[in-house]
Amino acid sequence: MKVTLIVVGKSDLGAISTLIAEYENRLKHYCRFELLVAKTVTKAKGLTVKEILENESREIQKHLNPKAVLVLLDDKGAQKSSLEFSAFLGDMRERAVPELCFLIGGAYGFSEHIRSICLHKLSLSKMTFTHQMVRPIFMEQLYRAFTILNSEPYHHE
């Protein structure tokens, strides 16, 4: 199964980029993993939030595979424990889903169009994180889920 993570905007923090690279390397042992960056625009260009979201939506869509199952990472999504998330991942693998695509939005989230095309919505926490911080946190949980599915000793419960 291929797992794609689409994020909006480049990471400008070295420590976050280092963590992302570490988990990207670890994930390649379990799946065909690809991290894709959709372009973002800033409010400095005089755009409204709605216009920013519409532009980001178009950029995200350039990376979408029509056969992929889309999972939106959103604070209003379902919260799952690490075990529940690994079961979800295992279920997708057993169903022979060719690609599972997770989406992390920019500072303003997602357009209504992107929200409407995602079959699943997942929340990492009731707390708010920056869209930059969510990237390594989610990638660690993805790695953890694969180690759980493979009965490896990384996760303790």
N, C-alpha and C. Protein backbone atom coordinates (compact mmCIF):
# COMPACT_ATOMS: atom_id res chain seq x y z
N MET A 1 0.85 -1.18 0.00
CA MET A 1 0.00 0.00 0.00
C MET A 1 0.89 1.24 0.00
N LYS A 2 0.50 2.21 -0.78
CA LYS A 2 1.20 3.48 -0.79
C LYS A 2 0.52 4.41 0.21
N VAL A 3 1.32 5.14 0.96
CA VAL A 3 0.81 6.14 1.88
C VAL A 3 1.41 7.48 1.46
N THR A 4 0.52 8.43 1.20
CA THR A 4 0.94 9.76 0.81
C THR A 4 0.50 10.75 1.88
N LEU A 5 1.37 11.68 2.16
CA LEU A 5 1.04 12.78 3.06
C LEU A 5 1.20 14.06 2.27
N ILE A 6 0.10 14.78 2.10
CA ILE A 6 0.13 16.06 1.41
C ILE A 6 0.02 17.15 2.46
N VAL A 7 0.98 18.05 2.45
CA VAL A 7 1.00 19.17 3.39
C VAL A 7 0.96 20.47 2.60
N VAL A 8 0.46 21.51 3.22
CA VAL A 8 0.40 22.81 2.57
C VAL A 8 1.55 23.67 3.08
N GLY A 9 2.41 24.08 2.17
CA GLY A 9 3.53 24.95 2.50
C GLY A 9 4.75 24.20 3.00
N LYS A 10 5.90 24.75 2.67
CA LYS A 10 7.17 24.15 3.10
C LYS A 10 7.39 24.40 4.58
N SER A 11 8.12 23.50 5.21
CA SER A 11 8.49 23.68 6.61
C SER A 11 9.71 24.60 6.66
N ASP A 12 9.63 25.64 7.46
CA ASP A 12 10.74 26.58 7.54
C ASP A 12 11.53 26.45 8.83
N LEU A 13 11.25 25.42 9.59
CA LEU A 13 11.97 25.20 10.85
C LEU A 13 12.87 23.97 10.72
N GLY A 14 14.15 24.15 10.96
CA GLY A 14 15.12 23.07 10.81
C GLY A 14 14.83 21.85 11.66
N ALA A 15 14.44 22.07 12.92
CA ALA A 15 14.17 20.94 13.81
C ALA A 15 12.99 20.11 13.31
N ILE A 16 11.97 20.76 12.80
CA ILE A 16 10.81 20.05 12.27
C ILE A 16 11.21 19.28 11.02
N SER A 17 11.99 19.90 10.15
CA SER A 17 12.45 19.23 8.93
C SER A 17 13.28 17.99 9.27
N THR A 18 14.09 18.07 10.32
CA THR A 18 14.90 16.93 10.75
C THR A 18 14.01 15.79 11.22
N LEU A 19 13.01 16.10 12.01
CA LEU A 19 12.07 15.06 12.48
C LEU A 19 11.30 14.44 11.33
N ILE A 20 10.85 15.27 10.41
CA ILE A 20 10.12 14.77 9.25
C ILE A 20 11.00 13.80 8.46
N ALA A 21 12.25 14.17 8.24
CA ALA A 21 13.18 13.30 7.50
C ALA A 21 13.40 11.99 8.24
N GLU A 22 13.50 12.04 9.55
CA GLU A 22 13.71 10.82 10.34
C GLU A 22 12.53 9.86 10.18
N TYR A 23 11.31 10.36 10.33
CA TYR A 23 10.14 9.49 10.22
C TYR A 23 9.86 9.08 8.79
N GLU A 24 10.21 9.92 7.83
CA GLU A 24 10.08 9.54 6.43
C GLU A 24 10.97 8.34 6.14
N ASN A 25 12.17 8.35 6.66
CA ASN A 25 13.10 7.23 6.50
C ASN A 25 12.57 5.97 7.19
N ARG A 26 12.04 6.10 8.38
CA ARG A 26 11.49 4.94 9.11
C ARG A 26 10.28 4.34 8.39
N LEU A 27 9.41 5.20 7.87
CA LEU A 27 8.19 4.72 7.22
C LEU A 27 8.47 3.92 5.96
N LYS A 28 9.55 4.20 5.29
CA LYS A 28 9.86 3.51 4.05
C LYS A 28 10.12 2.01 4.26
N HIS A 29 10.28 1.59 5.51
CA HIS A 29 10.43 0.17 5.83
C HIS A 29 9.09 -0.56 5.83
N TYR A 30 7.99 0.19 5.88
CA TYR A 30 6.66 -0.40 6.02
C TYR A 30 5.74 -0.18 4.82
N CYS A 31 5.99 0.86 4.06
CA CYS A 31 5.09 1.20 2.95
C CYS A 31 5.84 2.05 1.94
N ARG A 32 5.21 2.24 0.82
CA ARG A 32 5.72 3.22 -0.14
C ARG A 32 5.19 4.57 0.34
N PHE A 33 6.05 5.33 0.96
CA PHE A 33 5.65 6.59 1.57
C PHE A 33 6.13 7.75 0.71
N GLU A 34 5.24 8.74 0.54
CA GLU A 34 5.61 9.93 -0.20
C GLU A 34 5.05 11.16 0.49
N LEU A 35 5.91 12.14 0.68
CA LEU A 35 5.51 13.42 1.25
C LEU A 35 5.49 14.44 0.13
N LEU A 36 4.32 15.07 -0.06
CA LEU A 36 4.16 16.06 -1.13
C LEU A 36 3.80 17.40 -0.50
N VAL A 37 4.35 18.46 -1.06
CA VAL A 37 4.11 19.81 -0.54
C VAL A 37 3.30 20.61 -1.56
N ALA A 38 2.11 21.03 -1.14
CA ALA A 38 1.27 21.90 -1.97
C ALA A 38 1.66 23.35 -1.67
N LYS A 39 1.69 24.15 -2.69
CA LYS A 39 2.06 25.56 -2.52
C LYS A 39 1.01 26.29 -1.69
N THR A 40 1.48 27.28 -0.98
CA THR A 40 0.59 28.13 -0.20
C THR A 40 0.77 29.58 -0.65
N VAL A 41 -0.19 30.38 -0.29
CA VAL A 41 -0.07 31.83 -0.50
C VAL A 41 -0.22 32.47 0.86
N THR A 42 0.22 33.69 0.99
CA THR A 42 0.14 34.35 2.29
C THR A 42 -0.86 35.50 2.24
N LYS A 43 -1.29 35.88 3.41
CA LYS A 43 -2.23 36.99 3.51
C LYS A 43 -1.56 38.30 3.08
N ALA A 44 -0.23 38.31 3.08
CA ALA A 44 0.50 39.50 2.67
C ALA A 44 0.19 39.89 1.22
N LYS A 45 -0.30 38.97 0.44
CA LYS A 45 -0.63 39.27 -0.94
C LYS A 45 -2.01 39.92 -1.06
N GLY A 46 -2.62 40.25 0.06
CA GLY A 46 -3.89 40.96 0.04
C GLY A 46 -5.10 40.07 -0.19
N LEU A 47 -4.96 38.76 -0.02
CA LEU A 47 -6.08 37.85 -0.24
C LEU A 47 -6.86 37.62 1.03
N THR A 48 -8.14 37.34 0.89
CA THR A 48 -8.95 36.98 2.05
C THR A 48 -8.64 35.53 2.41
N VAL A 49 -9.08 35.12 3.59
CA VAL A 49 -8.88 33.73 4.02
C VAL A 49 -9.55 32.78 3.03
N LYS A 50 -10.75 33.13 2.57
CA LYS A 50 -11.46 32.28 1.61
C LYS A 50 -10.65 32.12 0.32
N GLU A 51 -10.07 33.20 -0.15
CA GLU A 51 -9.25 33.14 -1.37
C GLU A 51 -7.99 32.30 -1.16
N ILE A 52 -7.39 32.43 0.01
CA ILE A 52 -6.22 31.61 0.34
C ILE A 52 -6.60 30.13 0.31
N LEU A 53 -7.72 29.79 0.96
CA LEU A 53 -8.17 28.39 1.00
C LEU A 53 -8.49 27.85 -0.39
N GLU A 54 -9.09 28.68 -1.22
CA GLU A 54 -9.40 28.25 -2.59
C GLU A 54 -8.13 28.01 -3.40
N ASN A 55 -7.13 28.88 -3.23
CA ASN A 55 -5.84 28.69 -3.92
C ASN A 55 -5.16 27.43 -3.42
N GLU A 56 -5.14 27.23 -2.10
CA GLU A 56 -4.51 26.03 -1.54
C GLU A 56 -5.25 24.77 -1.99
N SER A 57 -6.57 24.86 -2.10
CA SER A 57 -7.37 23.73 -2.56
C SER A 57 -6.95 23.31 -3.97
N ARG A 58 -6.76 24.28 -4.84
CA ARG A 58 -6.31 23.97 -6.21
C ARG A 58 -4.93 23.32 -6.20
N GLU A 59 -4.07 23.80 -5.33
CA GLU A 59 -2.71 23.23 -5.24
C GLU A 59 -2.75 21.81 -4.68
N ILE A 60 -3.59 21.56 -3.69
CA ILE A 60 -3.73 20.21 -3.13
C ILE A 60 -4.23 19.26 -4.21
N GLN A 61 -5.24 19.70 -4.96
CA GLN A 61 -5.85 18.84 -5.98
C GLN A 61 -4.85 18.42 -7.06
N LYS A 62 -3.83 19.20 -7.30
CA LYS A 62 -2.80 18.83 -8.28
C LYS A 62 -2.07 17.55 -7.87
N HIS A 63 -2.05 17.26 -6.57
CA HIS A 63 -1.32 16.11 -6.04
C HIS A 63 -2.20 14.88 -5.79
N LEU A 64 -3.50 15.03 -5.91
CA LEU A 64 -4.41 13.94 -5.53
C LEU A 64 -4.50 12.86 -6.61
N ASN A 65 -4.45 11.63 -6.15
CA ASN A 65 -4.68 10.47 -7.01
C ASN A 65 -6.18 10.14 -6.89
N PRO A 66 -6.91 10.08 -7.99
CA PRO A 66 -8.35 9.82 -7.90
C PRO A 66 -8.69 8.45 -7.30
N LYS A 67 -7.72 7.53 -7.25
CA LYS A 67 -7.97 6.20 -6.67
C LYS A 67 -7.63 6.14 -5.18
N ALA A 68 -7.07 7.21 -4.64
CA ALA A 68 -6.65 7.21 -3.24
C ALA A 68 -7.85 7.42 -2.31
N VAL A 69 -7.76 6.81 -1.14
CA VAL A 69 -8.70 7.07 -0.05
C VAL A 69 -8.14 8.27 0.70
N LEU A 70 -8.94 9.33 0.80
CA LEU A 70 -8.48 10.58 1.40
C LEU A 70 -8.87 10.68 2.87
N VAL A 71 -7.89 11.08 3.68
CA VAL A 71 -8.10 11.26 5.12
C VAL A 71 -7.66 12.68 5.47
N LEU A 72 -8.60 13.47 5.92
CA LEU A 72 -8.34 14.85 6.30
C LEU A 72 -7.93 14.89 7.76
N LEU A 73 -6.79 15.50 8.05
CA LEU A 73 -6.39 15.71 9.44
C LEU A 73 -6.96 17.05 9.86
N ASP A 74 -7.92 17.00 10.78
CA ASP A 74 -8.71 18.18 11.11
C ASP A 74 -9.14 18.11 12.57
N ASP A 75 -9.14 19.24 13.24
CA ASP A 75 -9.50 19.25 14.65
C ASP A 75 -10.94 18.82 14.91
N LYS A 76 -11.78 18.80 13.89
CA LYS A 76 -13.17 18.37 14.06
C LYS A 76 -13.37 16.89 13.69
N GLY A 77 -12.28 16.20 13.36
CA GLY A 77 -12.37 14.80 12.97
C GLY A 77 -12.48 13.87 14.15
N ALA A 78 -12.59 12.59 13.86
CA ALA A 78 -12.68 11.56 14.90
C ALA A 78 -11.33 11.42 15.61
N GLN A 79 -11.39 11.26 16.91
CA GLN A 79 -10.16 11.02 17.67
C GLN A 79 -10.01 9.52 17.87
N LYS A 80 -8.80 9.03 17.62
CA LYS A 80 -8.51 7.60 17.77
C LYS A 80 -7.27 7.44 18.63
N SER A 81 -7.26 6.36 19.39
CA SER A 81 -6.04 6.01 20.11
C SER A 81 -5.04 5.47 19.08
N SER A 82 -3.82 5.28 19.50
CA SER A 82 -2.82 4.71 18.59
C SER A 82 -3.23 3.32 18.14
N LEU A 83 -3.82 2.52 19.04
CA LEU A 83 -4.28 1.18 18.67
C LEU A 83 -5.44 1.25 17.67
N GLU A 84 -6.36 2.18 17.89
CA GLU A 84 -7.48 2.34 16.96
C GLU A 84 -7.00 2.82 15.59
N PHE A 85 -6.03 3.72 15.60
CA PHE A 85 -5.49 4.20 14.33
C PHE A 85 -4.77 3.07 13.59
N SER A 86 -4.03 2.25 14.32
CA SER A 86 -3.35 1.12 13.66
C SER A 86 -4.38 0.14 13.10
N ALA A 87 -5.50 -0.05 13.79
CA ALA A 87 -6.56 -0.93 13.27
C ALA A 87 -7.15 -0.34 11.99
N PHE A 88 -7.34 0.97 11.95
CA PHE A 88 -7.82 1.64 10.73
C PHE A 88 -6.84 1.42 9.58
N LEU A 89 -5.57 1.61 9.86
CA LEU A 89 -4.54 1.42 8.85
C LEU A 89 -4.52 -0.04 8.37
N GLY A 90 -4.62 -0.96 9.33
CA GLY A 90 -4.66 -2.38 8.97
C GLY A 90 -5.87 -2.73 8.13
N ASP A 91 -7.00 -2.14 8.45
CA ASP A 91 -8.22 -2.36 7.67
C ASP A 91 -8.05 -1.88 6.23
N MET A 92 -7.45 -0.72 6.07
CA MET A 92 -7.21 -0.19 4.72
C MET A 92 -6.27 -1.12 3.95
N ARG A 93 -5.27 -1.64 4.64
CA ARG A 93 -4.32 -2.56 4.01
C ARG A 93 -5.01 -3.86 3.60
N GLU A 94 -5.86 -4.40 4.49
CA GLU A 94 -6.59 -5.64 4.20
C GLU A 94 -7.58 -5.46 3.05
N ARG A 95 -8.13 -4.28 2.92
CA ARG A 95 -9.06 -3.99 1.82
C ARG A 95 -8.33 -3.76 0.50
N ALA A 96 -7.01 -3.84 0.55
CA ALA A 96 -6.15 -3.64 -0.63
C ALA A 96 -6.35 -2.24 -1.23
N VAL A 97 -6.50 -1.25 -0.35
CA VAL A 97 -6.58 0.13 -0.81
C VAL A 97 -5.23 0.46 -1.46
N PRO A 98 -5.23 0.89 -2.71
CA PRO A 98 -3.96 1.12 -3.39
C PRO A 98 -3.16 2.30 -2.81
N GLU A 99 -3.89 3.32 -2.35
CA GLU A 99 -3.22 4.48 -1.78
C GLU A 99 -4.08 5.11 -0.71
N LEU A 100 -3.45 5.39 0.41
CA LEU A 100 -4.09 6.09 1.51
C LEU A 100 -3.41 7.46 1.57
N CYS A 101 -4.19 8.52 1.42
CA CYS A 101 -3.64 9.86 1.32
C CYS A 101 -4.15 10.71 2.48
N PHE A 102 -3.22 11.17 3.29
CA PHE A 102 -3.54 12.04 4.43
C PHE A 102 -3.23 13.48 4.04
N LEU A 103 -4.10 14.41 4.49
CA LEU A 103 -3.95 15.82 4.15
C LEU A 103 -3.79 16.66 5.40
N ILE A 104 -2.75 17.48 5.41
CA ILE A 104 -2.54 18.45 6.48
C ILE A 104 -2.63 19.83 5.85
N GLY A 105 -3.58 20.61 6.28
CA GLY A 105 -3.80 21.93 5.70
C GLY A 105 -2.82 22.97 6.17
N GLY A 106 -3.01 24.18 5.69
CA GLY A 106 -2.19 25.31 6.09
C GLY A 106 -2.74 25.97 7.34
N ALA A 107 -2.31 27.17 7.57
CA ALA A 107 -2.69 27.90 8.78
C ALA A 107 -4.19 28.10 8.94
N TYR A 108 -4.94 28.12 7.82
CA TYR A 108 -6.38 28.36 7.87
C TYR A 108 -7.21 27.11 7.66
N GLY A 109 -6.56 25.96 7.59
CA GLY A 109 -7.31 24.71 7.41
C GLY A 109 -7.55 24.37 5.96
N PHE A 110 -8.80 24.00 5.65
CA PHE A 110 -9.16 23.50 4.33
C PHE A 110 -10.39 24.22 3.77
N SER A 111 -10.47 24.24 2.47
CA SER A 111 -11.67 24.76 1.81
C SER A 111 -12.81 23.75 2.00
N GLU A 112 -14.03 24.21 1.81
CA GLU A 112 -15.18 23.31 1.90
C GLU A 112 -15.10 22.20 0.84
N HIS A 113 -14.56 22.52 -0.32
CA HIS A 113 -14.43 21.51 -1.37
C HIS A 113 -13.53 20.36 -0.91
N ILE A 114 -12.38 20.67 -0.35
CA ILE A 114 -11.47 19.62 0.12
C ILE A 114 -12.14 18.82 1.23
N ARG A 115 -12.82 19.50 2.14
CA ARG A 115 -13.54 18.79 3.21
C ARG A 115 -14.56 17.82 2.64
N SER A 116 -15.23 18.22 1.58
CA SER A 116 -16.31 17.41 1.03
C SER A 116 -15.82 16.16 0.29
N ILE A 117 -14.60 16.16 -0.20
CA ILE A 117 -14.13 14.99 -0.97
C ILE A 117 -13.38 13.97 -0.11
N CYS A 118 -13.16 14.29 1.15
CA CYS A 118 -12.43 13.36 2.03
C CYS A 118 -13.41 12.41 2.72
N LEU A 119 -13.15 11.11 2.56
CA LEU A 119 -14.03 10.10 3.16
C LEU A 119 -13.89 10.04 4.68
N HIS A 120 -12.69 10.30 5.15
CA HIS A 120 -12.41 10.18 6.59
C HIS A 120 -11.81 11.49 7.10
N LYS A 121 -12.18 11.81 8.35
CA LYS A 121 -11.62 12.98 9.01
C LYS A 121 -11.08 12.52 10.37
N LEU A 122 -9.84 12.89 10.62
CA LEU A 122 -9.14 12.41 11.81
C LEU A 122 -8.57 13.59 12.58
N SER A 123 -8.75 13.58 13.89
CA SER A 123 -8.18 14.62 14.74
C SER A 123 -7.07 14.00 15.58
N LEU A 124 -5.95 14.68 15.69
CA LEU A 124 -4.86 14.19 16.51
C LEU A 124 -5.05 14.53 17.98
N SER A 125 -5.85 15.57 18.26
CA SER A 125 -6.02 16.02 19.64
C SER A 125 -7.10 17.08 19.68
N LYS A 126 -7.63 17.32 20.86
CA LYS A 126 -8.53 18.45 21.05
C LYS A 126 -7.73 19.75 21.13
N MET A 127 -6.43 19.62 21.37
CA MET A 127 -5.56 20.79 21.42
C MET A 127 -5.28 21.29 20.01
N THR A 128 -4.88 22.54 19.92
CA THR A 128 -4.53 23.12 18.63
C THR A 128 -3.01 23.10 18.49
N PHE A 129 -2.54 22.61 17.33
CA PHE A 129 -1.12 22.61 17.00
C PHE A 129 -0.93 23.45 15.74
N THR A 130 0.26 23.97 15.54
CA THR A 130 0.53 24.64 14.28
C THR A 130 0.54 23.58 13.18
N HIS A 131 0.22 24.00 11.95
CA HIS A 131 0.23 23.04 10.85
C HIS A 131 1.64 22.50 10.62
N GLN A 132 2.66 23.23 11.04
CA GLN A 132 4.04 22.75 10.94
C GLN A 132 4.29 21.62 11.95
N MET A 133 3.83 21.78 13.18
CA MET A 133 4.05 20.79 14.23
C MET A 133 3.28 19.49 13.98
N VAL A 134 2.13 19.60 13.35
CA VAL A 134 1.31 18.41 13.10
C VAL A 134 2.05 17.40 12.24
N ARG A 135 2.88 17.87 11.34
CA ARG A 135 3.57 16.98 10.41
C ARG A 135 4.39 15.89 11.11
N PRO A 136 5.37 16.25 11.95
CA PRO A 136 6.13 15.17 12.60
C PRO A 136 5.30 14.39 13.62
N ILE A 137 4.34 15.05 14.26
CA ILE A 137 3.49 14.33 15.22
C ILE A 137 2.70 13.25 14.49
N PHE A 138 2.09 13.61 13.36
CA PHE A 138 1.33 12.62 12.60
C PHE A 138 2.24 11.52 12.05
N MET A 139 3.39 11.90 11.53
CA MET A 139 4.29 10.89 10.95
C MET A 139 4.76 9.90 12.02
N GLU A 140 4.97 10.38 13.24
CA GLU A 140 5.33 9.47 14.33
C GLU A 140 4.18 8.51 14.61
N GLN A 141 2.95 8.99 14.61
CA GLN A 141 1.80 8.12 14.85
C GLN A 141 1.61 7.12 13.72
N LEU A 142 1.90 7.52 12.51
CA LEU A 142 1.84 6.61 11.37
C LEU A 142 2.89 5.51 11.53
N TYR A 143 4.09 5.89 11.91
CA TYR A 143 5.16 4.92 12.17
C TYR A 143 4.75 3.98 13.31
N ARG A 144 4.22 4.56 14.38
CA ARG A 144 3.78 3.77 15.54
C ARG A 144 2.71 2.75 15.11
N ALA A 145 1.76 3.18 14.28
CA ALA A 145 0.70 2.28 13.82
C ALA A 145 1.28 1.08 13.06
N PHE A 146 2.27 1.34 12.20
CA PHE A 146 2.89 0.24 11.47
C PHE A 146 3.64 -0.71 12.41
N THR A 147 4.30 -0.16 13.43
CA THR A 147 4.99 -1.06 14.37
C THR A 147 3.99 -1.90 15.17
N ILE A 148 2.84 -1.32 15.48
CA ILE A 148 1.79 -2.09 16.17
C ILE A 148 1.29 -3.21 15.26
N LEU A 149 1.02 -2.88 14.00
CA LEU A 149 0.54 -3.90 13.04
C LEU A 149 1.55 -5.03 12.84
N ASN A 150 2.82 -4.71 13.01
CA ASN A 150 3.88 -5.71 12.83
C ASN A 150 4.35 -6.31 14.15
N SER A 151 3.60 -6.06 15.23
CA SER A 151 3.92 -6.59 16.56
C SER A 151 5.36 -6.30 17.00
N GLU A 152 5.81 -5.10 16.71
CA GLU A 152 7.15 -4.69 17.09
C GLU A 152 7.07 -3.96 18.42
N PRO A 153 8.17 -3.93 19.17
CA PRO A 153 8.13 -3.42 20.56
C PRO A 153 8.15 -1.91 20.73
N TYR A 154 7.93 -1.13 19.72
CA TYR A 154 7.98 0.34 19.82
C TYR A 154 6.87 0.88 20.73
N HIS A 155 5.66 0.38 20.57
CA HIS A 155 4.49 0.88 21.32
C HIS A 155 4.32 0.10 22.61
N HIS A 156 4.09 0.82 23.71
CA HIS A 156 3.84 0.18 25.01
C HIS A 156 2.46 0.58 25.50
N GLU A 157 1.66 -0.40 25.90
CA GLU A 157 0.33 -0.07 26.41
C GLU A 157 0.00 -0.99 27.56
